[in-house]
């Protein structure tokens, strides 16, 4: 149906404008946001902005900032000519957000207030052998227990953001394929959680929520885009461009771990061969078979020095060759301003980031004359939880 056949109602316009202003206030953090700033940022007339602020305050979404956070009077303007404009903050108690990120080995769960402050943050082990249905039942039980322990009623929860493993069909709100948990193929994870918890669920890939949170809340600097490789029980990647997560044309998350980096490489569980994930997993079967992260044991080895460090460095050297091949492909497709490697330890992540950068610099083509930045970070469960909770906020503001 065309816009002419389905025009926006006045109530739709009001709600859209209110969400626009609320997002600006929310994004201002502890600084606060004034009505005059909202007029300048949105182009809406002052009476309309006044009505929106009044409505949001009455609904409990915003509150007056403390006097010290009020908007400063512009230089050269006398305070005697008018009252200093008041600034408003998002009201922390307005609602609660839940962020969940899980994979075959563990479940990371966080509960946040509307200002993004953590009320609860824990990581729990998961048994993948119990299958998809029981894994989701475990997730639901952990969420229910956390909310009950905090004394939070379901009505106060704005929603749950779910970072699920494998390829996720965001439009269908399902896990398309994840081999490490039986039954997690075309699995309607969001629908299952909604039915168990009675909460709206927004789903994305777990790698995506980590990348989103590192981009928004980490310390990557001023880069406008980043591509992240997450090395855990396998390898995956996510591309964040101007704060938005990239999806395929069919609304699915990208599968970086299954980029082909070697035509004669090892067989991959996906059915192909020579995939990036298969190459890297073949280098570290011991850790993976024990249920640990890819290259998890190399951090202490690198710190030990001597022959142990040299052996660990050799593994990272070999891994970086495959990662550099994948990064070259990514650069041709997306040209990110930076790359981020997230692994079990900072030593491994930073070691891979430096080695991949060196390989691309040494064997660059005419397309690699300006190298992106390269970063390495240890996985931070609190950031993963925050990224999952941000899915709820994004869905709320865009509704």
Protein backbone atom coordinates (compact mmCIF):
# COMPACT_ATOMS: atom_id res chain seq x y z
CA UNK A 1 0.00 0.00 0.00
CA UNK A 2 1.38 3.41 -0.98
CA UNK A 3 1.71 6.35 1.48
CA UNK A 4 -1.17 8.06 -0.39
CA UNK A 5 -3.41 5.06 0.33
CA UNK A 6 -2.27 4.79 3.95
CA UNK A 7 -1.48 8.30 5.21
CA UNK A 8 -0.10 8.89 8.68
CA UNK A 9 -2.74 9.84 11.21
CA UNK A 10 -2.22 12.88 13.45
CA UNK A 11 -1.72 10.52 16.41
CA UNK A 12 1.03 8.68 14.50
CA UNK A 13 2.83 11.95 13.81
CA UNK A 14 2.58 12.98 17.46
CA UNK A 15 3.95 9.64 18.63
CA UNK A 16 6.79 9.75 16.10
CA UNK A 17 7.75 13.26 17.19
CA UNK A 18 7.61 12.27 20.84
CA UNK A 19 9.91 9.29 20.20
CA UNK A 20 12.29 11.56 18.26
CA UNK A 21 12.53 14.02 21.14
CA UNK A 22 12.77 11.28 23.76
CA UNK A 23 15.64 9.69 21.87
CA UNK A 24 17.49 13.03 21.87
CA UNK A 25 16.95 13.44 25.61
CA UNK A 26 17.98 9.84 26.26
CA UNK A 27 21.10 10.23 24.13
CA UNK A 28 22.25 13.28 26.06
CA UNK A 29 23.09 11.09 29.04
CA UNK A 30 23.86 12.93 32.26
CA UNK A 31 24.32 16.24 30.46
CA UNK A 32 20.63 16.77 29.91
CA UNK A 33 18.72 18.27 26.99
CA UNK A 34 16.66 21.45 26.88
CA UNK A 35 13.60 22.50 24.92
CA UNK A 36 15.61 25.09 23.00
CA UNK A 37 18.07 22.38 21.95
CA UNK A 38 15.15 20.21 20.83
CA UNK A 39 13.76 23.06 18.69
CA UNK A 40 17.17 23.49 17.03
CA UNK A 41 17.73 19.74 16.54
CA UNK A 42 14.29 18.84 15.16
CA UNK A 43 12.99 21.97 13.45
CA UNK A 44 9.71 21.59 15.33
CA UNK A 45 8.10 24.78 16.62
CA UNK A 46 8.61 25.81 20.25
CA UNK A 47 4.94 25.25 21.29
CA UNK A 48 5.07 21.73 19.84
CA UNK A 49 8.28 20.99 21.72
CA UNK A 50 6.78 22.38 24.91
CA UNK A 51 3.79 20.06 24.51
CA UNK A 52 6.05 17.06 23.83
CA UNK A 53 8.24 17.73 26.89
CA UNK A 54 5.12 18.14 29.03
CA UNK A 55 3.65 14.89 27.70
CA UNK A 56 6.89 12.93 28.23
CA UNK A 57 7.26 14.29 31.75
CA UNK A 58 3.65 13.44 32.61
CA UNK A 59 4.17 9.90 31.26
CA UNK A 60 7.22 9.49 33.52
CA UNK A 61 9.83 9.16 30.77
CA UNK A 62 11.78 12.34 31.59
CA UNK A 63 12.53 14.55 34.58
CA UNK A 64 14.17 17.88 35.27
CA UNK A 65 17.93 17.67 35.56
CA UNK A 66 19.60 18.89 38.74
CA UNK A 67 20.33 22.62 38.59
CA UNK A 68 24.02 22.05 37.88
CA UNK A 69 23.14 20.20 34.66
CA UNK A 70 20.94 23.01 33.30
CA UNK A 71 21.76 24.41 29.90
CA UNK A 72 24.41 27.15 30.09
CA UNK A 73 23.43 30.65 29.03
CA UNK A 74 25.14 31.46 25.69
CA UNK A 75 28.08 33.87 25.90
CA UNK A 76 27.05 37.48 25.67
CA UNK A 77 23.45 36.87 26.78
CA UNK A 78 22.34 38.26 30.11
CA UNK A 79 20.49 35.98 32.53
CA UNK A 80 18.33 38.96 33.48
CA UNK A 81 16.61 38.83 30.10
CA UNK A 82 15.07 35.47 30.82
CA UNK A 83 15.20 32.35 32.92
CA UNK A 84 18.00 29.91 32.14
CA UNK A 85 16.55 27.10 30.00
CA UNK A 86 15.93 23.94 32.02
CA UNK A 87 17.50 20.65 30.94
CA UNK A 88 15.78 17.29 31.15
CA UNK A 89 17.11 13.77 31.66
CA UNK A 90 15.69 10.38 30.82
CA UNK A 91 14.11 9.14 34.05
CA UNK A 92 16.00 6.08 35.24
CA UNK A 93 12.91 4.52 36.85
CA UNK A 94 10.75 4.90 33.73
CA UNK A 95 11.27 1.28 32.71
CA UNK A 96 13.67 -1.65 32.79
CA UNK A 97 15.61 -3.32 29.96
CA UNK A 98 16.88 -6.89 29.88
CA UNK A 99 19.90 -7.94 27.81
CA UNK A 100 20.77 -11.60 27.15
CA UNK A 101 23.70 -12.93 25.13
CA UNK A 102 24.36 -16.66 24.90
CA UNK A 103 26.27 -19.36 23.02
CA UNK A 104 26.93 -23.06 23.53
CA UNK A 105 29.06 -22.46 26.62
CA UNK A 106 27.40 -19.75 28.66
CA UNK A 107 24.57 -17.30 29.20
CA UNK A 108 25.27 -13.63 29.96
CA UNK A 109 22.36 -11.73 31.56
CA UNK A 110 22.03 -8.07 32.47
CA UNK A 111 19.18 -5.87 33.71
CA UNK A 112 19.37 -2.10 33.17
CA UNK A 113 17.37 0.96 34.07
CA UNK A 114 16.23 3.44 31.39
CA UNK A 115 19.44 5.44 31.79
CA UNK A 116 21.54 2.36 31.00
CA UNK A 117 22.79 1.72 34.51
CA UNK A 118 23.25 -1.94 35.40
CA UNK A 119 20.93 -3.29 38.08
CA UNK A 120 22.06 -6.89 37.65
CA UNK A 121 24.87 -8.62 35.73
CA UNK A 122 25.80 -12.31 35.80
CA UNK A 123 27.22 -15.07 33.60
CA UNK A 124 25.93 -18.64 33.89
CA UNK A 125 27.15 -21.92 32.33
CA UNK A 126 24.98 -23.59 29.71
CA UNK A 127 24.78 -27.23 28.69
CA UNK A 128 24.32 -27.27 24.90
CA UNK A 129 23.54 -30.99 24.89
CA UNK A 130 20.11 -30.35 26.40
CA UNK A 131 18.93 -28.92 23.08
CA UNK A 132 17.36 -25.71 21.85
CA UNK A 133 14.05 -25.88 23.73
CA UNK A 134 15.65 -26.55 27.11
CA UNK A 135 18.34 -23.93 26.54
CA UNK A 136 15.62 -21.32 25.97
CA UNK A 137 13.76 -22.59 29.02
CA UNK A 138 16.95 -22.06 31.04
CA UNK A 139 17.30 -18.53 29.67
CA UNK A 140 13.69 -17.75 30.60
CA UNK A 141 14.13 -19.18 34.11
CA UNK A 142 17.28 -17.11 34.71
CA UNK A 143 15.54 -13.93 33.52
CA UNK A 144 12.48 -14.58 35.70
CA UNK A 145 14.63 -15.24 38.75
CA UNK A 146 16.70 -12.10 38.18
CA UNK A 147 13.62 -9.88 37.84
CA UNK A 148 11.97 -11.45 40.87
CA UNK A 149 15.13 -10.94 42.92
CA UNK A 150 15.13 -7.26 41.98
CA UNK A 151 11.44 -6.94 42.77
CA UNK A 152 10.65 -5.86 39.20
CA UNK A 153 7.19 -6.60 37.82
CA UNK A 154 6.83 -7.64 34.18
CA UNK A 155 4.85 -4.47 33.45
CA UNK A 156 7.94 -2.35 34.12
CA UNK A 157 10.08 -4.19 31.56
CA UNK A 158 10.27 -2.43 28.21
CA UNK A 159 11.57 -5.57 26.57
CA UNK A 160 14.31 -8.17 26.29
CA UNK A 161 17.15 -7.97 23.78
CA UNK A 162 18.50 -11.37 22.77
CA UNK A 163 21.93 -11.93 21.24
CA UNK A 164 21.64 -15.47 19.90
CA UNK A 165 24.41 -17.62 18.38
CA UNK A 166 24.74 -18.64 14.75
CA UNK A 167 23.05 -16.96 11.84
CA UNK A 168 19.93 -15.06 12.90
CA UNK A 169 17.01 -14.18 10.64
CA UNK A 170 16.14 -10.84 12.21
CA UNK A 171 12.92 -10.40 10.24
CA UNK A 172 11.59 -13.84 11.18
CA UNK A 173 13.08 -13.49 14.67
CA UNK A 174 14.62 -16.94 14.49
CA UNK A 175 18.02 -18.63 14.61
CA UNK A 176 18.55 -19.90 11.08
CA UNK A 177 21.41 -22.26 11.88
CA UNK A 178 23.65 -22.98 14.87
CA UNK A 179 25.33 -26.37 14.84
CA UNK A 180 26.55 -26.47 18.45
CA UNK A 181 23.09 -26.65 20.08
CA UNK A 182 20.89 -29.52 18.80
CA UNK A 183 17.60 -28.32 17.34
CA UNK A 184 18.72 -24.74 16.80
CA UNK A 185 17.95 -24.67 13.08
CA UNK A 186 15.09 -22.41 11.93
CA UNK A 187 14.37 -22.09 15.63
CA UNK A 188 11.90 -19.30 16.64
CA UNK A 189 13.90 -18.21 19.67
CA UNK A 190 12.24 -14.81 20.14
CA UNK A 191 8.74 -16.28 19.98
CA UNK A 192 9.66 -19.02 22.45
CA UNK A 193 10.99 -16.51 24.99
CA UNK A 194 7.99 -14.22 24.57
CA UNK A 195 5.60 -17.06 25.30
CA UNK A 196 7.55 -18.08 28.41
CA UNK A 197 8.16 -14.60 29.83
CA UNK A 198 5.30 -12.46 28.53
CA UNK A 199 7.84 -9.84 27.39
CA UNK A 200 8.51 -8.37 23.93
CA UNK A 201 11.77 -9.80 22.56
CA UNK A 202 14.09 -8.25 19.98
CA UNK A 203 16.65 -10.67 18.55
CA UNK A 204 19.98 -10.34 16.77
CA UNK A 205 23.20 -12.32 16.52
CA UNK A 206 25.38 -12.42 19.65
CA UNK A 207 28.41 -11.20 17.71
CA UNK A 208 26.34 -8.25 16.54
CA UNK A 209 25.36 -7.14 20.04
CA UNK A 210 29.00 -7.29 21.19
CA UNK A 211 30.06 -5.22 18.17
CA UNK A 212 27.23 -2.73 18.69
CA UNK A 213 28.15 -2.23 22.33
CA UNK A 214 31.88 -1.89 21.64
CA UNK A 215 31.06 0.73 19.00
CA UNK A 216 28.66 2.72 21.19
CA UNK A 217 30.06 2.24 24.68
CA UNK A 218 33.65 1.06 24.20
CA UNK A 219 36.73 3.15 23.50
CA UNK A 220 37.21 2.76 19.76
CA UNK A 221 37.65 6.49 19.24
CA UNK A 222 35.92 8.54 16.58
CA UNK A 223 35.72 5.89 13.85
CA UNK A 224 32.38 5.92 12.01
CA UNK A 225 32.40 2.21 11.20
CA UNK A 226 33.99 -0.95 12.50
CA UNK A 227 34.08 -4.62 11.59
CA UNK A 228 34.45 -7.03 14.48
CA UNK A 229 35.73 -10.60 14.52
CA UNK A 230 34.58 -12.57 17.57
CA UNK A 231 36.65 -15.69 18.32
CA UNK A 232 34.81 -17.99 20.70
CA UNK A 233 33.71 -21.58 19.99
CA UNK A 234 34.09 -20.58 16.36
CA UNK A 235 34.45 -17.30 14.49
CA UNK A 236 31.89 -14.76 13.44
CA UNK A 237 31.82 -11.13 12.46
CA UNK A 238 29.59 -8.08 12.47
CA UNK A 239 29.73 -4.74 10.68
CA UNK A 240 28.58 -1.58 12.45
CA UNK A 241 28.21 1.46 10.20
CA UNK A 242 27.26 4.81 11.79
CA UNK A 243 25.79 2.96 14.76
CA UNK A 244 23.71 0.52 12.69
CA UNK A 245 24.20 -3.21 12.26
CA UNK A 246 24.51 -4.53 8.73
CA UNK A 247 22.21 -7.33 7.54
CA UNK A 248 22.10 -9.31 4.32
CA UNK A 249 19.54 -8.45 1.66
CA UNK A 250 17.31 -11.16 3.16
CA UNK A 251 17.41 -9.70 6.65
CA UNK A 252 19.89 -12.18 8.09
CA UNK A 253 23.10 -11.59 10.01
CA UNK A 254 26.33 -12.01 8.09
CA UNK A 255 28.37 -15.20 8.48
CA UNK A 256 32.03 -14.18 8.50
CA UNK A 257 33.22 -17.47 9.93
CA UNK A 258 32.17 -19.16 6.71
CA UNK A 259 34.07 -16.97 4.29
CA UNK A 260 36.24 -19.24 2.17
CA UNK A 261 39.93 -18.56 2.84
CA UNK A 262 41.35 -21.77 1.35
CA UNK A 263 39.90 -23.89 -1.44
CA UNK A 264 41.78 -26.95 -0.21
CA UNK A 265 41.22 -26.31 3.50
CA UNK A 266 39.59 -28.61 6.06
CA UNK A 267 35.95 -29.65 5.95
CA UNK A 268 33.59 -27.34 7.84
CA UNK A 269 30.43 -28.35 9.80
CA UNK A 270 28.45 -26.05 7.50
CA UNK A 271 29.06 -28.54 4.68
CA UNK A 272 31.65 -26.51 2.79
CA UNK A 273 35.43 -26.61 3.14
CA UNK A 274 38.21 -24.11 3.65
CA UNK A 275 36.02 -21.77 5.75
CA UNK A 276 37.74 -19.30 8.08
CA UNK A 277 36.19 -21.00 11.10
CA UNK A 278 37.32 -24.46 10.04
CA UNK A 279 40.88 -23.20 9.50
CA UNK A 280 41.12 -21.54 12.90
CA UNK A 281 39.41 -24.35 14.81
CA UNK A 282 41.86 -26.85 13.33
CA UNK A 283 44.66 -24.90 15.04
CA UNK A 284 43.16 -25.26 18.52
CA UNK A 285 41.14 -28.43 18.82
CA UNK A 286 42.26 -29.02 22.42
CA UNK A 287 40.60 -25.91 23.85
CA UNK A 288 37.46 -26.33 21.78
CA UNK A 289 37.02 -30.00 22.67
CA UNK A 290 37.26 -28.98 26.34
CA UNK A 291 34.49 -26.42 25.88
CA UNK A 292 36.80 -23.43 26.14
CA UNK A 293 37.24 -20.44 23.87
CA UNK A 294 39.29 -20.59 20.70
CA UNK A 295 42.94 -19.82 21.62
CA UNK A 296 41.94 -19.37 25.27
CA UNK A 297 45.07 -21.11 26.52
CA UNK A 298 47.46 -18.94 24.52
CA UNK A 299 47.19 -15.87 26.75
CA UNK A 300 49.15 -17.40 29.68
CA UNK A 301 51.57 -19.00 27.21
CA UNK A 302 52.38 -15.65 25.61
CA UNK A 303 53.06 -14.19 29.05
CA UNK A 304 55.29 -17.11 30.09
CA UNK A 305 58.12 -16.23 27.74
CA UNK A 306 60.69 -18.60 26.28
CA UNK A 307 59.71 -21.60 24.16
CA UNK A 308 56.11 -21.58 25.40
CA UNK A 309 55.61 -18.01 24.21
CA UNK A 310 57.29 -18.77 20.90
CA UNK A 311 54.97 -21.74 20.31
CA UNK A 312 51.90 -19.64 21.15
CA UNK A 313 53.09 -16.85 18.87
CA UNK A 314 53.50 -19.38 16.06
CA UNK A 315 49.84 -20.41 16.39
CA UNK A 316 48.74 -16.77 16.25
CA UNK A 317 50.96 -16.19 13.22
CA UNK A 318 49.21 -19.02 11.38
CA UNK A 319 45.77 -17.86 12.49
CA UNK A 320 46.48 -14.30 11.38
CA UNK A 321 47.13 -15.49 7.81
CA UNK A 322 43.56 -16.73 7.50
CA UNK A 323 42.12 -13.71 9.33
CA UNK A 324 44.05 -11.35 7.05
CA UNK A 325 42.59 -13.11 4.02
CA UNK A 326 39.08 -12.67 5.44
CA UNK A 327 39.77 -9.03 6.33
CA UNK A 328 40.84 -8.26 2.77
CA UNK A 329 37.52 -9.63 1.52
CA UNK A 330 35.63 -7.61 4.12
CA UNK A 331 37.50 -4.45 3.12
CA UNK A 332 36.54 -4.86 -0.52
CA UNK A 333 32.87 -5.21 0.47
CA UNK A 334 32.47 -2.72 3.32
CA UNK A 335 35.69 -0.69 3.67
CA UNK A 336 35.39 -0.29 7.46
CA UNK A 337 37.31 2.47 9.22
CA UNK A 338 38.54 -0.03 11.81
CA UNK A 339 38.76 -3.69 12.70
CA UNK A 340 38.14 -5.06 16.18
CA UNK A 341 39.23 -8.51 17.33
CA UNK A 342 37.49 -9.83 20.46
CA UNK A 343 38.82 -12.98 22.10
CA UNK A 344 39.13 -14.68 25.50
CA UNK A 345 42.03 -12.44 26.52
CA UNK A 346 43.47 -9.07 25.55
CA UNK A 347 46.82 -10.73 24.83
CA UNK A 348 45.32 -12.97 22.15
CA UNK A 349 43.05 -10.29 20.68
CA UNK A 350 45.79 -7.65 20.50
CA UNK A 351 48.26 -10.21 19.16
CA UNK A 352 45.92 -11.10 16.31
CA UNK A 353 45.06 -7.46 15.57
CA UNK A 354 48.72 -6.51 15.26
CA UNK A 355 49.60 -9.51 13.12
CA UNK A 356 46.67 -9.05 10.73
CA UNK A 357 47.55 -5.37 10.30
CA UNK A 358 51.16 -6.26 9.54
CA UNK A 359 50.17 -8.89 6.96
CA UNK A 360 47.83 -6.51 5.14
CA UNK A 361 50.42 -3.72 5.22
CA UNK A 362 53.15 -6.01 3.85
CA UNK A 363 51.06 -7.50 1.05
CA UNK A 364 48.63 -4.70 0.35
CA UNK A 365 47.15 -3.95 -3.04
CA UNK A 366 46.23 -0.63 -4.57
CA UNK A 367 43.06 -0.80 -2.49
CA UNK A 368 45.01 -0.93 0.78
CA UNK A 369 46.92 2.34 0.56
CA UNK A 370 45.08 3.72 3.60
CA UNK A 371 44.95 1.09 6.30
CA UNK A 372 42.06 0.97 8.77
CA UNK A 373 42.75 1.02 12.48
CA UNK A 374 43.16 -2.35 14.23
CA UNK A 375 42.07 -3.00 17.83
CA UNK A 376 42.06 -6.02 20.14
CA UNK A 377 39.83 -6.48 23.20
CA UNK A 378 39.03 -9.19 25.71
CA UNK A 379 35.37 -10.19 25.74
CA UNK A 380 33.46 -8.14 28.30
CA UNK A 381 30.14 -9.74 29.37
CA UNK A 382 28.86 -6.41 30.74
CA UNK A 383 29.30 -4.79 27.33
CA UNK A 384 27.59 -7.75 25.64
CA UNK A 385 24.61 -7.40 27.99
CA UNK A 386 24.44 -3.65 27.31
CA UNK A 387 24.49 -4.24 23.55
CA UNK A 388 21.63 -6.72 23.82
CA UNK A 389 19.62 -4.26 25.91
CA UNK A 390 20.28 -1.57 23.28
CA UNK A 391 18.31 -3.70 20.81
CA UNK A 392 15.23 -2.99 22.93
CA UNK A 393 15.88 0.74 22.96
CA UNK A 394 16.44 0.87 19.19
CA UNK A 395 13.20 -1.01 18.54
CA UNK A 396 11.32 1.24 20.96
CA UNK A 397 12.56 4.51 19.46
CA UNK A 398 11.91 3.35 15.88
CA UNK A 399 8.43 1.95 16.54
